[in-house]
Amino acid sequence: MTKTLIDEIREYASNPAYGSQEVRQKFLARAEQGDLTRDADAQSHFCTYFLPYNPITRKIFITHHKKAGMWVSPGGHIDSGETLMQTVRREIREELGVECKTVQTLELFLLTITPIDNEPQRCKVHYDFWCLFPTDGTDFKVDPTEFHETRWVTFEQARQLVSDPANLQAFQKIEEMSEQCLRNLHEESIRKQ
């Protein structure tokens, strides 16, 4: 049975690994209101971010987004009839020119709620799903109509450019996950000695 967007929201918002209880409860409450996409509710809807991350260099890919007018991770609105992963794959194709056929490379890691205060945008609140996209970026063909500029940056450099709290929270979580992974690898190598 294919999962619908509402099924995905309920599943992910029920998992404490993806966010605080308050955020997860707000996700569930908003989902129960219906009209989940921008097409159905221009002011309050669900979106996705995907964070390209190179685990070798430990750098993330950020964009100076034209519509948002600031540095953010790539992503976009969930369209009517799409699931979360369908949206992420579409956005990766549209914004980075990459066909992402397998969802195994994408890992949901965070839920955030972002108030939008950017006239003349009609959006007022985004309920954001964050997916990790491990990549070296060599196959990126960035859409210049979306962004003023794009960069691979360290977490510290990203914190200097990005002001959006949800993006900063996502960077922090990925940095912590990366450090934990490195610690695990180090501990494993010590055990093998």
Protein backbone atom coordinates (compact mmCIF):
# COMPACT_ATOMS: atom_id res chain seq x y z
CA MET A 1 0.00 0.00 0.00
CA THR A 2 1.37 3.39 -1.00
CA LYS A 3 1.60 5.94 1.79
CA THR A 4 -0.11 9.28 1.36
CA LEU A 5 1.25 12.59 2.59
CA ILE A 6 -1.06 12.52 5.60
CA ASP A 7 0.22 9.02 6.46
CA GLU A 8 3.81 10.26 6.23
CA ILE A 9 3.08 13.29 8.40
CA ARG A 10 1.48 11.11 11.07
CA GLU A 11 4.36 8.61 10.95
CA TYR A 12 7.18 11.14 11.13
CA ALA A 13 5.46 13.44 13.63
CA SER A 14 4.99 10.45 15.95
CA ASN A 15 8.74 9.79 16.09
CA PRO A 16 10.60 11.68 18.86
CA ALA A 17 13.86 11.47 16.88
CA TYR A 18 12.61 14.15 14.48
CA GLY A 19 11.79 16.98 16.83
CA SER A 20 10.44 18.26 20.10
CA GLN A 21 7.09 17.09 21.36
CA GLU A 22 5.71 20.59 20.82
CA VAL A 23 6.74 20.68 17.14
CA ARG A 24 5.50 17.15 16.51
CA GLN A 25 2.11 17.94 18.13
CA LYS A 26 1.78 21.06 15.98
CA PHE A 27 2.59 18.99 12.86
CA LEU A 28 -0.14 16.51 13.77
CA ALA A 29 -2.67 19.24 14.59
CA ARG A 30 -1.94 21.06 11.31
CA ALA A 31 -2.22 17.78 9.37
CA GLU A 32 -5.67 17.13 10.83
CA GLN A 33 -6.86 20.50 9.50
CA GLY A 34 -6.39 19.21 5.93
CA ASP A 35 -5.40 21.37 2.94
CA LEU A 36 -1.75 20.32 3.35
CA THR A 37 -0.21 21.85 0.23
CA ARG A 38 0.35 25.41 -1.00
CA ASP A 39 -2.27 24.79 -3.70
CA ALA A 40 -4.88 24.11 -1.01
CA ASP A 41 -3.73 26.65 1.61
CA ALA A 42 -1.43 29.43 0.44
CA GLN A 43 -0.68 30.66 3.97
CA SER A 44 0.07 27.47 5.96
CA HIS A 45 1.37 24.28 4.36
CA PHE A 46 3.99 21.54 4.33
CA CYS A 47 7.39 21.89 2.66
CA THR A 48 10.64 20.01 2.33
CA TYR A 49 14.25 20.96 2.68
CA PHE A 50 17.00 18.69 1.52
CA LEU A 51 20.46 19.33 2.84
CA PRO A 52 23.26 18.24 0.49
CA TYR A 53 26.10 17.04 2.69
CA ASN A 54 29.50 15.75 1.68
CA PRO A 55 30.56 13.31 4.42
CA ILE A 56 34.16 13.27 3.15
CA THR A 57 34.74 17.03 3.32
CA ARG A 58 32.06 17.56 6.02
CA LYS A 59 30.66 20.46 4.02
CA ILE A 60 27.07 21.40 3.29
CA PHE A 61 25.62 23.01 0.18
CA ILE A 62 23.65 26.21 0.75
CA THR A 63 21.91 28.62 -1.58
CA HIS A 64 21.25 32.35 -1.69
CA HIS A 65 17.59 31.95 -2.64
CA LYS A 66 16.09 34.66 -4.86
CA LYS A 67 12.50 34.51 -3.55
CA ALA A 68 13.47 34.12 0.10
CA GLY A 69 16.12 36.82 -0.22
CA MET A 70 18.52 34.98 2.08
CA TRP A 71 20.90 32.04 2.41
CA VAL A 72 19.04 28.76 3.02
CA SER A 73 19.19 25.08 2.23
CA PRO A 74 17.53 24.00 -1.01
CA GLY A 75 13.95 22.77 -0.87
CA GLY A 76 10.41 23.64 -1.77
CA HIS A 77 6.70 23.25 -1.36
CA ILE A 78 4.94 19.91 -1.47
CA ASP A 79 2.58 19.90 -4.44
CA SER A 80 -0.91 18.45 -4.46
CA GLY A 81 -0.88 14.67 -4.85
CA GLU A 82 2.81 14.30 -3.91
CA THR A 83 4.33 12.37 -1.05
CA LEU A 84 7.26 13.73 0.90
CA MET A 85 9.90 11.76 -1.00
CA GLN A 86 8.31 12.53 -4.36
CA THR A 87 8.63 16.22 -3.49
CA VAL A 88 12.25 15.87 -2.39
CA ARG A 89 13.18 14.03 -5.60
CA ARG A 90 11.36 16.64 -7.73
CA GLU A 91 13.04 19.53 -5.92
CA ILE A 92 16.49 17.93 -6.25
CA ARG A 93 15.86 17.53 -9.99
CA GLU A 94 14.50 21.08 -10.42
CA GLU A 95 17.02 22.93 -8.29
CA LEU A 96 20.18 20.86 -8.72
CA GLY A 97 19.55 19.05 -12.01
CA VAL A 98 20.10 15.64 -10.39
CA GLU A 99 17.89 12.60 -10.86
CA CYS A 100 17.54 11.05 -7.42
CA LYS A 101 15.95 7.70 -8.22
CA THR A 102 16.58 6.00 -4.90
CA VAL A 103 15.15 7.31 -1.67
CA GLN A 104 17.61 5.15 0.29
CA THR A 105 20.15 7.96 -0.06
CA LEU A 106 17.73 10.42 1.52
CA GLU A 107 17.23 10.38 5.27
CA LEU A 108 14.63 12.39 7.15
CA PHE A 109 16.26 13.89 10.22
CA LEU A 110 14.24 16.87 11.46
CA LEU A 111 10.85 18.61 11.57
CA THR A 112 10.67 22.39 11.98
CA ILE A 113 8.00 25.07 11.82
CA THR A 114 9.04 28.30 10.12
CA PRO A 115 7.10 31.56 10.36
CA ILE A 116 7.46 33.46 7.07
CA ASP A 117 7.73 37.26 7.11
CA ASN A 118 8.71 38.07 3.55
CA GLU A 119 6.36 40.34 1.65
CA PRO A 120 5.00 39.89 -0.97
CA GLN A 121 5.05 36.11 -0.32
CA ARG A 122 1.62 34.72 0.59
CA CYS A 123 3.18 32.04 2.79
CA LYS A 124 2.93 32.72 6.51
CA VAL A 125 3.91 29.34 8.05
CA HIS A 126 5.89 26.40 6.68
CA TYR A 127 5.79 22.96 8.29
CA ASP A 128 9.17 21.69 7.13
CA PHE A 129 10.50 18.16 6.68
CA TRP A 130 14.31 18.04 6.56
CA CYS A 131 16.10 15.32 4.58
CA LEU A 132 19.81 14.64 4.48
CA PHE A 133 21.16 14.21 0.94
CA PRO A 134 24.67 12.69 1.05
CA THR A 135 26.51 13.74 -2.12
CA ASP A 136 29.74 15.19 -3.40
CA GLY A 137 27.81 17.50 -5.71
CA THR A 138 29.87 16.71 -8.81
CA ASP A 139 26.71 16.12 -10.83
CA PHE A 140 24.93 19.33 -9.78
CA LYS A 141 23.54 21.51 -12.56
CA VAL A 142 22.17 24.33 -10.42
CA ASP A 143 19.14 26.23 -11.73
CA PRO A 144 20.30 29.88 -11.95
CA THR A 145 16.70 31.14 -11.95
CA GLU A 146 16.30 29.92 -8.33
CA PHE A 147 19.46 31.27 -6.70
CA HIS A 148 21.71 34.30 -6.69
CA GLU A 149 24.60 32.09 -5.58
CA THR A 150 25.37 28.64 -4.20
CA ARG A 151 28.28 27.39 -2.09
CA TRP A 152 29.79 24.35 -0.41
CA VAL A 153 30.66 25.56 3.09
CA THR A 154 31.74 24.27 6.47
CA PHE A 155 29.20 24.35 9.28
CA GLU A 156 30.97 27.38 10.75
CA GLN A 157 30.86 29.22 7.40
CA ALA A 158 27.16 28.34 7.05
CA ARG A 159 26.42 29.85 10.45
CA GLN A 160 28.06 33.08 9.26
CA LEU A 161 25.84 33.30 6.15
CA VAL A 162 22.52 31.83 7.29
CA SER A 163 20.20 33.58 9.73
CA ASP A 164 17.08 31.40 9.49
CA PRO A 165 16.62 29.54 12.82
CA ALA A 166 15.25 26.35 11.21
CA ASN A 167 18.24 26.12 8.87
CA LEU A 168 20.63 26.72 11.76
CA GLN A 169 18.88 24.00 13.77
CA ALA A 170 19.24 21.58 10.84
CA PHE A 171 22.95 22.41 10.46
CA GLN A 172 23.50 21.78 14.17
CA LYS A 173 21.73 18.42 14.04
CA ILE A 174 23.72 17.25 10.99
CA GLU A 175 26.97 18.42 12.56
CA GLU A 176 26.14 16.46 15.73
CA MET A 177 25.18 13.37 13.70
CA SER A 178 28.44 13.63 11.75
CA GLU A 179 30.52 13.93 14.90
CA GLN A 180 28.74 10.95 16.45
CA CYS A 181 29.39 8.90 13.33
CA LEU A 182 33.09 9.79 13.46
CA ARG A 183 33.24 8.85 17.16
CA ASN A 184 31.59 5.51 16.38
CA LEU A 185 34.09 4.81 13.60
CA HIS A 186 36.98 5.74 15.89
CA GLU A 187 35.70 3.48 18.67
CA GLU A 188 35.22 0.63 16.20
CA SER A 189 38.78 1.00 14.90
CA ILE A 190 40.13 0.95 18.47
CA ARG A 191 38.19 -2.25 19.23
CA LYS A 192 39.66 -3.91 16.14
CA GLN A 193 43.25 -3.14 17.23
